[in-house]
Each structure stands twice: as C-alpha cells, then as structure tokens.
Amino acid sequence: MSAEARLDLRLDPKDKVRIERAADLRGVPVSAFVRDAVLREADNVVAAGAGARHSLIERMRGRATSRLSTEQIMKLTRGAA
C-alpha cells in the first residue's frame, strides 16, 4: 500500500504507551494498528448514520471536552457514558 495522505495525532504519553502495547500484542506496527482501529470505528459510525453524530453531541453537550481525557472521550463516542 502506498501512503498518499498523512494524519498526525497528539495524545497523552500514557495513551501512546497503551497503543504501542496493544499493537505489540497484535504483532503489528503502531501505524497499522491505529489505522485499522480508526477505519473500523469510522465504518461503524457511518453505518449507524447521521443519528450517531447527533447522539454524541447530546452526550457531550455542556461538558468541557478540552478537559476530558482521551479515555473519557472514547467512552462517550462508544455510548458508554
């Protein structure tokens, strides 16, 4: 596969370590692990339709999202909060 686009991501060092550990356990490079996870989540959101976006907005309404941890945001995007 030839990379034609790039996506940069800033995250907490602890989250990076978690991602690296998970990628190592799967036996794949971090970039492949993240790409696959993000594409899988994107497919889920698209399959759920536009309602998923409105649901997320409702769950996050009134929250200071810039102060949420990555884990808290991931829980919100999965509907666990």
C-alpha atoms as a PDB file:
ATOM      1  CA  MET A   1       0.000   0.000   0.000  1.00  0.00           C
ATOM      2  CA  SER A   2       1.282   3.421  -0.930  1.00  0.00           C
ATOM      3  CA  ALA A   3       0.567   6.171   1.581  1.00  0.00           C
ATOM      4  CA  GLU A   4      -0.969   9.184  -0.116  1.00  0.00           C
ATOM      5  CA  ALA A   5      -2.192  11.089   2.937  1.00  0.00           C
ATOM      6  CA  ARG A   6      -0.908  11.678   6.428  1.00  0.00           C
ATOM      7  CA  LEU A   7      -2.743  12.062   9.735  1.00  0.00           C
ATOM      8  CA  ASP A   8      -0.939  13.445  12.781  1.00  0.00           C
ATOM      9  CA  LEU A   9      -2.216  12.792  16.270  1.00  0.00           C
ATOM     10  CA  ARG A  10      -1.328  14.322  19.632  1.00  0.00           C
ATOM     11  CA  LEU A  11      -2.063  12.298  22.725  1.00  0.00           C
ATOM     12  CA  ASP A  12      -1.045  11.756  26.289  1.00  0.00           C
ATOM     13  CA  PRO A  13       2.200   9.763  26.659  1.00  0.00           C
ATOM     14  CA  LYS A  14       0.325   7.167  28.742  1.00  0.00           C
ATOM     15  CA  ASP A  15      -2.147   6.662  25.913  1.00  0.00           C
ATOM     16  CA  LYS A  16       0.718   6.248  23.453  1.00  0.00           C
ATOM     17  CA  VAL A  17       2.212   3.529  25.633  1.00  0.00           C
ATOM     18  CA  ARG A  18      -1.167   1.747  25.763  1.00  0.00           C
ATOM     19  CA  ILE A  19      -1.480   1.893  21.982  1.00  0.00           C
ATOM     20  CA  GLU A  20       2.087   0.660  21.495  1.00  0.00           C
ATOM     21  CA  ARG A  21       1.470  -2.238  23.875  1.00  0.00           C
ATOM     22  CA  ALA A  22      -1.739  -3.207  22.091  1.00  0.00           C
ATOM     23  CA  ALA A  23      -0.030  -3.053  18.690  1.00  0.00           C
ATOM     24  CA  ASP A  24       2.816  -5.180  20.027  1.00  0.00           C
ATOM     25  CA  LEU A  25       0.359  -7.759  21.364  1.00  0.00           C
ATOM     26  CA  ARG A  26      -1.259  -7.921  17.915  1.00  0.00           C
ATOM     27  CA  GLY A  27       2.157  -8.159  16.282  1.00  0.00           C
ATOM     28  CA  VAL A  28       1.610  -5.173  14.008  1.00  0.00           C
ATOM     29  CA  PRO A  29       3.229  -1.746  13.661  1.00  0.00           C
ATOM     30  CA  VAL A  30       1.616   1.052  15.663  1.00  0.00           C
ATOM     31  CA  SER A  31       0.622   2.876  12.474  1.00  0.00           C
ATOM     32  CA  ALA A  32      -1.207  -0.204  11.141  1.00  0.00           C
ATOM     33  CA  PHE A  33      -2.896  -0.792  14.498  1.00  0.00           C
ATOM     34  CA  VAL A  34      -4.127   2.807  14.734  1.00  0.00           C
ATOM     35  CA  ARG A  35      -5.176   2.924  11.069  1.00  0.00           C
ATOM     36  CA  ASP A  36      -7.182  -0.292  11.359  1.00  0.00           C
ATOM     37  CA  ALA A  37      -8.848   0.786  14.619  1.00  0.00           C
ATOM     38  CA  VAL A  38      -9.759   4.214  13.275  1.00  0.00           C
ATOM     39  CA  LEU A  39     -11.098   2.838   9.988  1.00  0.00           C
ATOM     40  CA  ARG A  40     -13.155   0.225  11.852  1.00  0.00           C
ATOM     41  CA  GLU A  41     -14.658   2.938  14.066  1.00  0.00           C
ATOM     42  CA  ALA A  42     -15.294   5.153  11.042  1.00  0.00           C
ATOM     43  CA  ASP A  43     -17.172   2.314   9.350  1.00  0.00           C
ATOM     44  CA  ASN A  44     -19.274   1.806  12.491  1.00  0.00           C
ATOM     45  CA  VAL A  45     -20.172   5.484  12.686  1.00  0.00           C
ATOM     46  CA  VAL A  46     -21.032   5.717   9.001  1.00  0.00           C
ATOM     47  CA  ALA A  47     -23.122   2.537   9.245  1.00  0.00           C
ATOM     48  CA  ALA A  48     -25.026   3.986  12.198  1.00  0.00           C
ATOM     49  CA  GLY A  49     -25.883   7.018  10.092  1.00  0.00           C
ATOM     50  CA  ALA A  50     -26.188  10.668  10.950  1.00  0.00           C
ATOM     51  CA  GLY A  51     -28.048   9.848  14.172  1.00  0.00           C
ATOM     52  CA  ALA A  52     -24.763   8.796  15.764  1.00  0.00           C
ATOM     53  CA  ARG A  53     -23.385  12.311  15.380  1.00  0.00           C
ATOM     54  CA  HIS A  54     -26.383  13.927  16.990  1.00  0.00           C
ATOM     55  CA  SER A  55     -26.323  11.396  19.812  1.00  0.00           C
ATOM     56  CA  LEU A  56     -22.659  12.148  20.533  1.00  0.00           C
ATOM     57  CA  ILE A  57     -23.337  15.888  20.520  1.00  0.00           C
ATOM     58  CA  GLU A  58     -26.158  15.398  23.015  1.00  0.00           C
ATOM     59  CA  ARG A  59     -23.969  13.292  25.325  1.00  0.00           C
ATOM     60  CA  MET A  60     -21.152  15.849  25.194  1.00  0.00           C
ATOM     61  CA  ARG A  61     -23.347  18.936  25.488  1.00  0.00           C
ATOM     62  CA  GLY A  62     -22.358  21.035  28.463  1.00  0.00           C
ATOM     63  CA  ARG A  63     -19.109  19.147  29.064  1.00  0.00           C
ATOM     64  CA  ALA A  64     -15.732  20.819  28.867  1.00  0.00           C
ATOM     65  CA  THR A  65     -14.414  18.477  26.183  1.00  0.00           C
ATOM     66  CA  SER A  66     -10.972  20.070  26.191  1.00  0.00           C
ATOM     67  CA  ARG A  67     -10.612  18.831  29.761  1.00  0.00           C
ATOM     68  CA  LEU A  68     -11.722  15.259  29.101  1.00  0.00           C
ATOM     69  CA  SER A  69      -9.117  12.558  28.858  1.00  0.00           C
ATOM     70  CA  THR A  70      -8.785  10.518  25.694  1.00  0.00           C
ATOM     71  CA  GLU A  71     -10.326   7.574  27.534  1.00  0.00           C
ATOM     72  CA  GLN A  72     -13.349   9.651  28.586  1.00  0.00           C
ATOM     73  CA  ILE A  73     -13.872  10.887  25.037  1.00  0.00           C
ATOM     74  CA  MET A  74     -13.570   7.335  23.677  1.00  0.00           C
ATOM     75  CA  LYS A  75     -16.215   6.186  26.169  1.00  0.00           C
ATOM     76  CA  LEU A  76     -18.511   8.980  25.033  1.00  0.00           C
ATOM     77  CA  THR A  77     -18.026   8.104  21.377  1.00  0.00           C
ATOM     78  CA  ARG A  78     -18.895   4.480  22.137  1.00  0.00           C
ATOM     79  CA  GLY A  79     -22.009   5.442  24.089  1.00  0.00           C
ATOM     80  CA  ALA A  80     -20.730   4.194  27.461  1.00  0.00           C
ATOM     81  CA  ALA A  81     -21.221   7.487  29.274  1.00  0.00           C
END
